[in-house]
PDB file of N, CA and C in Angstrom:
ATOM      1  N   UNK A   1      89.222 118.874  84.208  1.00  0.00           N
ATOM      2  CA  UNK A   1      88.339 118.064  83.875  1.00  0.00           C
ATOM      3  C   UNK A   1      89.182 116.833  84.435  1.00  0.00           C
ATOM      4  N   UNK A   2      88.574 115.637  84.961  1.00  0.00           N
ATOM      5  CA  UNK A   2      89.069 114.552  85.550  1.00  0.00           C
ATOM      6  C   UNK A   2      89.534 113.425  84.526  1.00  0.00           C
ATOM      7  N   UNK A   3      90.420 112.764  85.143  1.00  0.00           N
ATOM      8  CA  UNK A   3      90.619 111.533  84.005  1.00  0.00           C
ATOM      9  C   UNK A   3      90.424 110.312  85.226  1.00  0.00           C
ATOM     10  N   UNK A   4      89.779 109.361  84.702  1.00  0.00           N
ATOM     11  CA  UNK A   4      89.341 108.198  85.362  1.00  0.00           C
ATOM     12  C   UNK A   4      89.940 107.002  84.796  1.00  0.00           C
ATOM     13  N   UNK A   5      90.771 106.182  85.469  1.00  0.00           N
ATOM     14  CA  UNK A   5      91.143 104.877  85.234  1.00  0.00           C
ATOM     15  C   UNK A   5      91.025 103.547  85.819  1.00  0.00           C
ATOM     16  N   UNK A   6      90.354 102.897  84.856  1.00  0.00           N
ATOM     17  CA  UNK A   6      89.884 101.664  85.804  1.00  0.00           C
ATOM     18  C   UNK A   6      90.275 100.237  84.939  1.00  0.00           C
ATOM     19  N   UNK A   7      90.663  99.213  85.726  1.00  0.00           N
ATOM     20  CA  UNK A   7      91.508  97.986  85.262  1.00  0.00           C
ATOM     21  C   UNK A   7      90.832  96.941  86.209  1.00  0.00           C
ATOM     22  N   UNK A   8      90.788  96.012  85.438  1.00  0.00           N
ATOM     23  CA  UNK A   8      90.346  94.680  86.087  1.00  0.00           C
ATOM     24  C   UNK A   8      91.257  93.537  85.827  1.00  0.00           C
ATOM     25  N   UNK A   9      91.865  93.116  87.095  1.00  0.00           N
ATOM     26  CA  UNK A   9      92.742  92.013  87.158  1.00  0.00           C
ATOM     27  C   UNK A   9      92.376  91.223  88.325  1.00  0.00           C
ATOM     28  N   UNK A  10      92.071  90.016  87.939  1.00  0.00           N
ATOM     29  CA  UNK A  10      91.323  89.383  88.874  1.00  0.00           C
ATOM     30  C   UNK A  10      92.321  88.564  89.818  1.00  0.00           C
ATOM     31  N   UNK A  11      92.345  88.758  91.033  1.00  0.00           N
ATOM     32  CA  UNK A  11      93.557  88.034  91.714  1.00  0.00           C
ATOM     33  C   UNK A  11      94.809  88.860  91.930  1.00  0.00           C
ATOM     34  N   UNK A  12      94.883  90.133  91.375  1.00  0.00           N
ATOM     35  CA  UNK A  12      96.163  90.691  91.285  1.00  0.00           C
ATOM     36  C   UNK A  12      96.654  91.644  92.500  1.00  0.00           C
ATOM     37  N   UNK A  13      95.275  92.291  92.777  1.00  0.00           N
ATOM     38  CA  UNK A  13      95.520  93.034  94.129  1.00  0.00           C
ATOM     39  C   UNK A  13      94.698  92.622  95.398  1.00  0.00           C
ATOM     40  N   UNK A  14      95.485  92.762  96.239  1.00  0.00           N
ATOM     41  CA  UNK A  14      94.910  92.343  97.536  1.00  0.00           C
ATOM     42  C   UNK A  14      93.972  93.342  98.071  1.00  0.00           C
ATOM     43  N   UNK A  15      94.267  94.420  97.819  1.00  0.00           N
ATOM     44  CA  UNK A  15      93.786  95.678  98.454  1.00  0.00           C
ATOM     45  C   UNK A  15      94.323  96.914  97.944  1.00  0.00           C
ATOM     46  N   UNK A  16      93.655  98.306  98.467  1.00  0.00           N
ATOM     47  CA  UNK A  16      94.039  99.296  97.411  1.00  0.00           C
ATOM     48  C   UNK A  16      94.976 100.022  97.643  1.00  0.00           C
ATOM     49  N   UNK A  17      95.943  99.302  98.705  1.00  0.00           N
ATOM     50  CA  UNK A  17      97.233  99.776  98.875  1.00  0.00           C
ATOM     51  C   UNK A  17      98.441  99.243  98.311  1.00  0.00           C
ATOM     52  N   UNK A  18      97.925  97.961  97.578  1.00  0.00           N
ATOM     53  CA  UNK A  18      98.942  97.497  96.338  1.00  0.00           C
ATOM     54  C   UNK A  18      98.821  98.222  95.065  1.00  0.00           C
ATOM     55  N   UNK A  19      97.842  98.991  94.679  1.00  0.00           N
ATOM     56  CA  UNK A  19      97.498  99.557  93.267  1.00  0.00           C
ATOM     57  C   UNK A  19      98.690 100.416  93.233  1.00  0.00           C
ATOM     58  N   UNK A  20      99.456 100.257  92.155  1.00  0.00           N
ATOM     59  CA  UNK A  20     100.739 100.930  91.710  1.00  0.00           C
ATOM     60  C   UNK A  20     100.151 102.351  90.761  1.00  0.00           C
ATOM     61  N   UNK A  21      99.302 102.397  90.128  1.00  0.00           N
ATOM     62  CA  UNK A  21      98.839 103.407  89.257  1.00  0.00           C
ATOM     63  C   UNK A  21      98.709 104.660  90.304  1.00  0.00           C
ATOM     64  N   UNK A  22      99.013 105.716  90.025  1.00  0.00           N
ATOM     65  CA  UNK A  22      99.200 107.186  90.357  1.00  0.00           C
ATOM     66  C   UNK A  22      98.762 108.350  89.766  1.00  0.00           C
ATOM     67  N   UNK A  23      98.303 109.086  90.507  1.00  0.00           N
ATOM     68  CA  UNK A  23      98.224 110.808  89.623  1.00  0.00           C
ATOM     69  C   UNK A  23      99.618 111.290  89.343  1.00  0.00           C
ATOM     70  N   UNK A  24      99.856 111.565  87.971  1.00  0.00           N
ATOM     71  CA  UNK A  24     101.255 111.939  87.835  1.00  0.00           C
ATOM     72  C   UNK A  24     101.313 113.484  88.284  1.00  0.00           C
ATOM     73  N   UNK A  25     102.408 113.713  88.294  1.00  0.00           N
ATOM     74  CA  UNK A  25     103.017 114.891  88.927  1.00  0.00           C
ATOM     75  C   UNK A  25     102.500 116.305  87.701  1.00  0.00           C
ATOM     76  N   UNK A  26     102.374 116.151  86.559  1.00  0.00           N
ATOM     77  CA  UNK A  26     101.990 116.725  85.558  1.00  0.00           C
ATOM     78  C   UNK A  26     100.589 116.678  85.510  1.00  0.00           C
ATOM     79  N   UNK A  27      99.627 117.624  85.262  1.00  0.00           N
ATOM     80  CA  UNK A  27      98.389 117.629  85.410  1.00  0.00           C
ATOM     81  C   UNK A  27      97.918 116.913  84.014  1.00  0.00           C
ATOM     82  N   UNK A  28      96.656 116.065  84.166  1.00  0.00           N
ATOM     83  CA  UNK A  28      96.139 115.097  83.297  1.00  0.00           C
ATOM     84  C   UNK A  28      97.230 113.933  83.125  1.00  0.00           C
ATOM     85  N   UNK A  29      97.744 113.544  83.832  1.00  0.00           N
ATOM     86  CA  UNK A  29      98.931 112.191  83.649  1.00  0.00           C
ATOM     87  C   UNK A  29      98.652 111.194  84.852  1.00  0.00           C
ATOM     88  N   UNK A  30      98.867 109.951  84.393  1.00  0.00           N
ATOM     89  CA  UNK A  30      98.806 109.174  85.625  1.00  0.00           C
ATOM     90  C   UNK A  30     100.271 108.406  85.330  1.00  0.00           C
ATOM     91  N   UNK A  31     100.467 107.714  86.420  1.00  0.00           N
ATOM     92  CA  UNK A  31     102.199 106.979  86.332  1.00  0.00           C
ATOM     93  C   UNK A  31     101.811 105.640  87.110  1.00  0.00           C
ATOM     94  N   UNK A  32     102.362 105.060  86.452  1.00  0.00           N
ATOM     95  CA  UNK A  32     102.460 103.291  86.840  1.00  0.00           C
ATOM     96  C   UNK A  32     104.129 102.697  87.311  1.00  0.00           C
ATOM     97  N   UNK A  33     104.199 102.432  88.577  1.00  0.00           N
ATOM     98  CA  UNK A  33     105.421 101.877  88.541  1.00  0.00           C
ATOM     99  C   UNK A  33     105.758 100.342  88.438  1.00  0.00           C
ATOM    100  N   UNK A  34     105.794 100.225  87.427  1.00  0.00           N
ATOM    101  CA  UNK A  34     106.372  98.598  87.274  1.00  0.00           C
ATOM    102  C   UNK A  34     106.091  98.391  85.680  1.00  0.00           C
ATOM    103  N   UNK A  35     105.691  97.168  85.182  1.00  0.00           N
ATOM    104  CA  UNK A  35     105.637  96.826  84.242  1.00  0.00           C
ATOM    105  C   UNK A  35     104.232  96.782  83.131  1.00  0.00           C
ATOM    106  N   UNK A  36     104.104  97.246  82.353  1.00  0.00           N
ATOM    107  CA  UNK A  36     102.702  97.400  81.729  1.00  0.00           C
ATOM    108  C   UNK A  36     102.975  96.260  80.681  1.00  0.00           C
ATOM    109  N   UNK A  37     101.774  95.766  80.124  1.00  0.00           N
ATOM    110  CA  UNK A  37     101.668  94.226  79.264  1.00  0.00           C
ATOM    111  C   UNK A  37     100.359  95.068  78.341  1.00  0.00           C
ATOM    112  N   UNK A  38     100.451  95.293  76.903  1.00  0.00           N
ATOM    113  CA  UNK A  38      99.386  95.112  76.102  1.00  0.00           C
ATOM    114  C   UNK A  38      98.936  94.212  75.569  1.00  0.00           C
ATOM    115  N   UNK A  39      98.117  93.079  75.881  1.00  0.00           N
ATOM    116  CA  UNK A  39      98.105  92.209  74.686  1.00  0.00           C
ATOM    117  C   UNK A  39      98.940  90.575  75.573  1.00  0.00           C
ATOM    118  N   UNK A  40      99.340  90.760  76.751  1.00  0.00           N
ATOM    119  CA  UNK A  40      99.975  90.195  77.466  1.00  0.00           C
ATOM    120  C   UNK A  40     100.403  90.240  78.704  1.00  0.00           C
ATOM    121  N   UNK A  41     100.189  89.120  79.618  1.00  0.00           N
ATOM    122  CA  UNK A  41     100.220  88.971  81.084  1.00  0.00           C
ATOM    123  C   UNK A  41     101.592  88.892  81.637  1.00  0.00           C
ATOM    124  N   UNK A  42     102.601  88.939  81.019  1.00  0.00           N
ATOM    125  CA  UNK A  42     103.837  88.736  81.329  1.00  0.00           C
ATOM    126  C   UNK A  42     104.997  89.365  80.397  1.00  0.00           C
ATOM    127  N   UNK A  43     104.817  90.707  80.797  1.00  0.00           N
ATOM    128  CA  UNK A  43     105.582  91.679  80.170  1.00  0.00           C
ATOM    129  C   UNK A  43     107.232  91.665  80.911  1.00  0.00           C
ATOM    130  N   UNK A  44     108.184  91.627  79.997  1.00  0.00           N
ATOM    131  CA  UNK A  44     109.622  91.578  80.768  1.00  0.00           C
ATOM    132  C   UNK A  44     110.400  92.970  80.342  1.00  0.00           C
ATOM    133  N   UNK A  45     109.422  93.926  80.086  1.00  0.00           N
ATOM    134  CA  UNK A  45     110.244  95.474  79.973  1.00  0.00           C
ATOM    135  C   UNK A  45     109.485  96.270  80.433  1.00  0.00           C
ATOM    136  N   UNK A  46     109.956  97.693  80.297  1.00  0.00           N
ATOM    137  CA  UNK A  46     109.053  98.301  81.366  1.00  0.00           C
ATOM    138  C   UNK A  46     107.568  98.661  80.353  1.00  0.00           C
ATOM    139  N   UNK A  47     107.428  98.466  79.187  1.00  0.00           N
ATOM    140  CA  UNK A  47     106.330  98.484  78.066  1.00  0.00           C
ATOM    141  C   UNK A  47     106.414  97.440  77.097  1.00  0.00           C
ATOM    142  N   UNK A  48     105.534  96.561  76.941  1.00  0.00           N
ATOM    143  CA  UNK A  48     105.773  95.525  76.130  1.00  0.00           C
ATOM    144  C   UNK A  48     103.902  95.334  75.256  1.00  0.00           C
ATOM    145  N   UNK A  49     103.950  95.502  73.906  1.00  0.00           N
ATOM    146  CA  UNK A  49     103.071  95.600  73.325  1.00  0.00           C
ATOM    147  C   UNK A  49     102.998  94.377  72.182  1.00  0.00           C
ATOM    148  N   UNK A  50     102.092  93.621  72.360  1.00  0.00           N
ATOM    149  CA  UNK A  50     102.042  92.291  71.734  1.00  0.00           C
ATOM    150  C   UNK A  50     100.775  92.581  70.365  1.00  0.00           C
ATOM    151  N   UNK A  51     101.609  93.099  69.609  1.00  0.00           N
ATOM    152  CA  UNK A  51      99.881  93.873  68.235  1.00  0.00           C
ATOM    153  C   UNK A  51     100.985  94.801  67.741  1.00  0.00           C
ATOM    154  N   UNK A  52     100.351  95.527  67.307  1.00  0.00           N
ATOM    155  CA  UNK A  52     100.665  96.918  66.155  1.00  0.00           C
ATOM    156  C   UNK A  52     100.273  97.881  67.187  1.00  0.00           C
ATOM    157  N   UNK A  53     100.970  98.855  67.199  1.00  0.00           N
ATOM    158  CA  UNK A  53     100.675 100.053  67.989  1.00  0.00           C
ATOM    159  C   UNK A  53     100.889 101.131  66.991  1.00  0.00           C
ATOM    160  N   UNK A  54      99.632 101.960  67.153  1.00  0.00           N
ATOM    161  CA  UNK A  54      99.282 103.228  65.985  1.00  0.00           C
ATOM    162  C   UNK A  54      99.748 104.519  67.056  1.00  0.00           C
ATOM    163  N   UNK A  55     100.130 105.312  66.698  1.00  0.00           N
ATOM    164  CA  UNK A  55     100.865 106.590  67.403  1.00  0.00           C
ATOM    165  C   UNK A  55     100.214 107.897  66.424  1.00  0.00           C
ATOM    166  N   UNK A  56      99.618 108.622  67.148  1.00  0.00           N
ATOM    167  CA  UNK A  56      98.699 109.685  66.768  1.00  0.00           C
ATOM    168  C   UNK A  56      99.459 111.328  67.308  1.00  0.00           C
ATOM    169  N   UNK A  57     100.817 110.944  66.565  1.00  0.00           N
ATOM    170  CA  UNK A  57     101.943 112.283  66.952  1.00  0.00           C
ATOM    171  C   UNK A  57     103.303 111.945  67.064  1.00  0.00           C
ATOM    172  N   UNK A  58     104.229 112.658  67.502  1.00  0.00           N
ATOM    173  CA  UNK A  58     105.436 112.128  67.602  1.00  0.00           C
ATOM    174  C   UNK A  58     105.820 111.260  68.412  1.00  0.00           C
ATOM    175  N   UNK A  59     107.083 110.495  68.147  1.00  0.00           N
ATOM    176  CA  UNK A  59     108.082 109.697  69.111  1.00  0.00           C
ATOM    177  C   UNK A  59     109.199 110.557  69.100  1.00  0.00           C
ATOM    178  N   UNK A  60     109.455 110.563  70.350  1.00  0.00           N
ATOM    179  CA  UNK A  60     110.789 111.092  70.581  1.00  0.00           C
ATOM    180  C   UNK A  60     111.923 109.940  70.976  1.00  0.00           C
ATOM    181  N   UNK A  61     113.064 109.926  70.446  1.00  0.00           N
ATOM    182  CA  UNK A  61     114.104 108.909  70.704  1.00  0.00           C
ATOM    183  C   UNK A  61     115.341 109.939  71.215  1.00  0.00           C
ATOM    184  N   UNK A  62     116.117 109.376  71.733  1.00  0.00           N
ATOM    185  CA  UNK A  62     117.614 110.165  72.075  1.00  0.00           C
ATOM    186  C   UNK A  62     118.498 110.335  70.272  1.00  0.00           C
ATOM    187  N   UNK A  63     117.993 109.271  69.809  1.00  0.00           N
ATOM    188  CA  UNK A  63     118.765 109.888  68.568  1.00  0.00           C
ATOM    189  C   UNK A  63     118.250 110.825  67.701  1.00  0.00           C
ATOM    190  N   UNK A  64     117.023 111.108  67.958  1.00  0.00           N
ATOM    191  CA  UNK A  64     116.314 112.210  67.227  1.00  0.00           C
ATOM    192  C   UNK A  64     116.996 113.339  67.156  1.00  0.00           C
ATOM    193  N   UNK A  65     117.200 113.855  65.893  1.00  0.00           N
ATOM    194  CA  UNK A  65     117.818 115.114  65.494  1.00  0.00           C
ATOM    195  C   UNK A  65     117.066 116.316  66.304  1.00  0.00           C
ATOM    196  N   UNK A  66     115.910 116.326  66.564  1.00  0.00           N
ATOM    197  CA  UNK A  66     115.090 117.278  67.736  1.00  0.00           C
ATOM    198  C   UNK A  66     115.788 117.451  68.659  1.00  0.00           C
ATOM    199  N   UNK A  67     116.621 116.628  69.197  1.00  0.00           N
ATOM    200  CA  UNK A  67     116.871 116.946  70.555  1.00  0.00           C
ATOM    201  C   UNK A  67     118.406 117.006  70.736  1.00  0.00           C
ATOM    202  N   UNK A  68     119.011 117.485  69.392  1.00  0.00           N
ATOM    203  CA  UNK A  68     120.475 117.373  69.628  1.00  0.00           C
ATOM    204  C   UNK A  68     120.974 118.942  68.721  1.00  0.00           C
ATOM    205  N   UNK A  69     122.191 119.288  68.921  1.00  0.00           N
ATOM    206  CA  UNK A  69     122.581 120.551  68.700  1.00  0.00           C
ATOM    207  C   UNK A  69     123.943 120.350  68.577  1.00  0.00           C
ATOM    208  N   UNK A  70     124.595 121.323  67.743  1.00  0.00           N
ATOM    209  CA  UNK A  70     125.822 121.410  67.233  1.00  0.00           C
ATOM    210  C   UNK A  70     126.289 120.040  66.178  1.00  0.00           C
ATOM    211  N   UNK A  71     125.371 120.123  65.465  1.00  0.00           N
ATOM    212  CA  UNK A  71     125.618 118.906  64.359  1.00  0.00           C
ATOM    213  C   UNK A  71     126.435 119.318  63.073  1.00  0.00           C
ATOM    214  N   UNK A  72     127.604 118.270  63.020  1.00  0.00           N
ATOM    215  CA  UNK A  72     128.211 118.918  61.986  1.00  0.00           C
ATOM    216  C   UNK A  72     129.033 117.631  61.433  1.00  0.00           C
ATOM    217  N   UNK A  73     129.440 117.999  59.967  1.00  0.00           N
ATOM    218  CA  UNK A  73     130.197 116.891  59.434  1.00  0.00           C
ATOM    219  C   UNK A  73     131.661 116.400  59.877  1.00  0.00           C
ATOM    220  N   UNK A  74     131.748 114.870  59.609  1.00  0.00           N
ATOM    221  CA  UNK A  74     132.959 114.806  60.309  1.00  0.00           C
ATOM    222  C   UNK A  74     133.841 114.459  59.181  1.00  0.00           C
ATOM    223  N   UNK A  75     135.195 114.129  59.483  1.00  0.00           N
ATOM    224  CA  UNK A  75     136.248 113.525  58.782  1.00  0.00           C
ATOM    225  C   UNK A  75     135.848 112.149  58.403  1.00  0.00           C
ATOM    226  N   UNK A  76     135.465 111.985  57.189  1.00  0.00           N
ATOM    227  CA  UNK A  76     135.160 110.514  56.989  1.00  0.00           C
ATOM    228  C   UNK A  76     136.290 109.399  56.880  1.00  0.00           C
ATOM    229  N   UNK A  77     137.383 109.941  56.320  1.00  0.00           N
ATOM    230  CA  UNK A  77     138.404 109.027  56.388  1.00  0.00           C
ATOM    231  C   UNK A  77     138.688 108.205  57.701  1.00  0.00           C
ATOM    232  N   UNK A  78     138.783 109.558  58.690  1.00  0.00           N
ATOM    233  CA  UNK A  78     139.270 109.422  60.098  1.00  0.00           C
ATOM    234  C   UNK A  78     137.983 108.266  60.493  1.00  0.00           C
ATOM    235  N   UNK A  79     136.593 108.464  60.231  1.00  0.00           N
ATOM    236  CA  UNK A  79     135.753 107.410  61.245  1.00  0.00           C
ATOM    237  C   UNK A  79     135.849 106.082  60.306  1.00  0.00           C
ATOM    238  N   UNK A  80     136.351 106.069  58.687  1.00  0.00           N
ATOM    239  CA  UNK A  80     136.353 104.815  58.486  1.00  0.00           C
ATOM    240  C   UNK A  80     137.715 104.012  59.097  1.00  0.00           C
ATOM    241  N   UNK A  81     138.569 104.947  59.494  1.00  0.00           N
ATOM    242  CA  UNK A  81     140.123 104.363  59.956  1.00  0.00           C
ATOM    243  C   UNK A  81     139.777 103.652  61.217  1.00  0.00           C
ATOM    244  N   UNK A  82     138.496 104.087  62.176  1.00  0.00           N
ATOM    245  CA  UNK A  82     138.056 104.100  63.208  1.00  0.00           C
ATOM    246  C   UNK A  82     136.990 103.022  63.691  1.00  0.00           C
ATOM    247  N   UNK A  83     136.637 102.568  62.219  1.00  0.00           N
ATOM    248  CA  UNK A  83     135.507 101.967  62.095  1.00  0.00           C
ATOM    249  C   UNK A  83     136.287 100.341  61.980  1.00  0.00           C
ATOM    250  N   UNK A  84     137.068 100.477  61.127  1.00  0.00           N
ATOM    251  CA  UNK A  84     138.265  99.107  60.787  1.00  0.00           C
ATOM    252  C   UNK A  84     138.977  98.630  61.972  1.00  0.00           C
ATOM    253  N   UNK A  85     138.450  99.573  63.173  1.00  0.00           N
ATOM    254  CA  UNK A  85     139.390  98.701  64.489  1.00  0.00           C
ATOM    255  C   UNK A  85     138.563  98.056  65.406  1.00  0.00           C
ATOM    256  N   UNK A  86     137.064  98.387  64.800  1.00  0.00           N
ATOM    257  CA  UNK A  86     135.750  97.777  65.421  1.00  0.00           C
ATOM    258  C   UNK A  86     135.972  96.384  65.459  1.00  0.00           C
ATOM    259  N   UNK A  87     135.176  95.492  66.318  1.00  0.00           N
ATOM    260  CA  UNK A  87     135.019  94.406  66.211  1.00  0.00           C
ATOM    261  C   UNK A  87     133.634  94.486  65.643  1.00  0.00           C
ATOM    262  N   UNK A  88     133.633  93.634  64.505  1.00  0.00           N
ATOM    263  CA  UNK A  88     132.158  92.984  63.705  1.00  0.00           C
ATOM    264  C   UNK A  88     131.516  91.899  63.808  1.00  0.00           C
ATOM    265  N   UNK A  89     130.599  91.687  64.171  1.00  0.00           N
ATOM    266  CA  UNK A  89     129.924  90.316  64.412  1.00  0.00           C
ATOM    267  C   UNK A  89     128.807  90.182  63.381  1.00  0.00           C
ATOM    268  N   UNK A  90     128.531  88.885  63.215  1.00  0.00           N
ATOM    269  CA  UNK A  90     127.082  88.760  62.943  1.00  0.00           C
ATOM    270  C   UNK A  90     126.404  87.468  63.781  1.00  0.00           C
ATOM    271  N   UNK A  91     125.230  87.646  63.799  1.00  0.00           N
ATOM    272  CA  UNK A  91     124.620  86.404  65.075  1.00  0.00           C
ATOM    273  C   UNK A  91     123.380  85.897  64.274  1.00  0.00           C
ATOM    274  N   UNK A  92     122.462  84.577  64.835  1.00  0.00           N
ATOM    275  CA  UNK A  92     121.286  84.217  64.441  1.00  0.00           C
ATOM    276  C   UNK A  92     120.684  84.461  66.151  1.00  0.00           C
ATOM    277  N   UNK A  93     119.370  84.531  65.685  1.00  0.00           N
ATOM    278  CA  UNK A  93     118.549  84.567  67.197  1.00  0.00           C
ATOM    279  C   UNK A  93     118.407  83.214  67.668  1.00  0.00           C
ATOM    280  N   UNK A  94     118.468  83.247  68.506  1.00  0.00           N
ATOM    281  CA  UNK A  94     117.846  82.370  69.291  1.00  0.00           C
ATOM    282  C   UNK A  94     116.226  81.976  68.930  1.00  0.00           C
ATOM    283  N   UNK A  95     116.151  80.389  68.838  1.00  0.00           N
ATOM    284  CA  UNK A  95     114.990  80.291  68.162  1.00  0.00           C
ATOM    285  C   UNK A  95     113.786  80.369  69.225  1.00  0.00           C
ATOM    286  N   UNK A  96     114.052  80.198  70.702  1.00  0.00           N
ATOM    287  CA  UNK A  96     112.955  80.430  71.438  1.00  0.00           C
ATOM    288  C   UNK A  96     112.678  81.869  71.303  1.00  0.00           C
ATOM    289  N   UNK A  97     113.298  82.887  71.444  1.00  0.00           N
ATOM    290  CA  UNK A  97     113.559  84.274  71.085  1.00  0.00           C
ATOM    291  C   UNK A  97     112.777  84.933  70.227  1.00  0.00           C
ATOM    292  N   UNK A  98     113.163  84.146  68.920  1.00  0.00           N
ATOM    293  CA  UNK A  98     112.649  84.564  67.633  1.00  0.00           C
ATOM    294  C   UNK A  98     111.211  84.026  67.700  1.00  0.00           C
ATOM    295  N   UNK A  99     110.871  83.115  68.150  1.00  0.00           N
ATOM    296  CA  UNK A  99     109.619  82.731  68.276  1.00  0.00           C
ATOM    297  C   UNK A  99     108.456  83.599  68.820  1.00  0.00           C
ATOM    298  N   UNK A 100     109.082  84.134  70.247  1.00  0.00           N
ATOM    299  CA  UNK A 100     108.369  84.916  71.012  1.00  0.00           C
ATOM    300  C   UNK A 100     108.027  86.517  70.278  1.00  0.00           C
ATOM    301  N   UNK A 101     109.374  86.754  69.669  1.00  0.00           N
ATOM    302  CA  UNK A 101     109.089  88.309  69.052  1.00  0.00           C
ATOM    303  C   UNK A 101     108.596  88.134  67.607  1.00  0.00           C
ATOM    304  N   UNK A 102     108.218  86.844  67.079  1.00  0.00           N
ATOM    305  CA  UNK A 102     107.368  86.916  65.731  1.00  0.00           C
ATOM    306  C   UNK A 102     108.605  87.096  64.584  1.00  0.00           C
ATOM    307  N   UNK A 103     109.752  86.665  65.078  1.00  0.00           N
ATOM    308  CA  UNK A 103     110.921  87.082  63.942  1.00  0.00           C
ATOM    309  C   UNK A 103     111.069  85.532  63.113  1.00  0.00           C
ATOM    310  N   UNK A 104     110.673  85.577  61.639  1.00  0.00           N
ATOM    311  CA  UNK A 104     110.884  84.501  60.912  1.00  0.00           C
ATOM    312  C   UNK A 104     112.306  83.851  60.556  1.00  0.00           C
ATOM    313  N   UNK A 105     113.100  84.893  59.938  1.00  0.00           N
ATOM    314  CA  UNK A 105     114.333  84.821  59.453  1.00  0.00           C
ATOM    315  C   UNK A 105     115.236  85.008  60.621  1.00  0.00           C
ATOM    316  N   UNK A 106     116.003  83.855  61.382  1.00  0.00           N
ATOM    317  CA  UNK A 106     116.661  84.318  62.327  1.00  0.00           C
ATOM    318  C   UNK A 106     117.974  84.416  62.041  1.00  0.00           C
TER     319      UNK A 106
END
């Protein structure tokens, strides 16, 4: 079964050679080499979603225990000693960043 993807970006592409969407290496996938914005025309990261996102499945993250092995307890006294050597800070968000990200308590 073929997957069709169509987008309309007036003035965005001069010709078909400028299109960055490509068929993926894995069947039934597409790839885009650039930044993608949903509900924004100025994404500043690989993917920017302005609004709620609903995931129907799992989200894997490098911190996910399913991606790790040899998980074991550590000496808490040693870890507390190491923490006391850390530089701890607190901060306020810059107002211009907070307003764009929807953060009310900066």
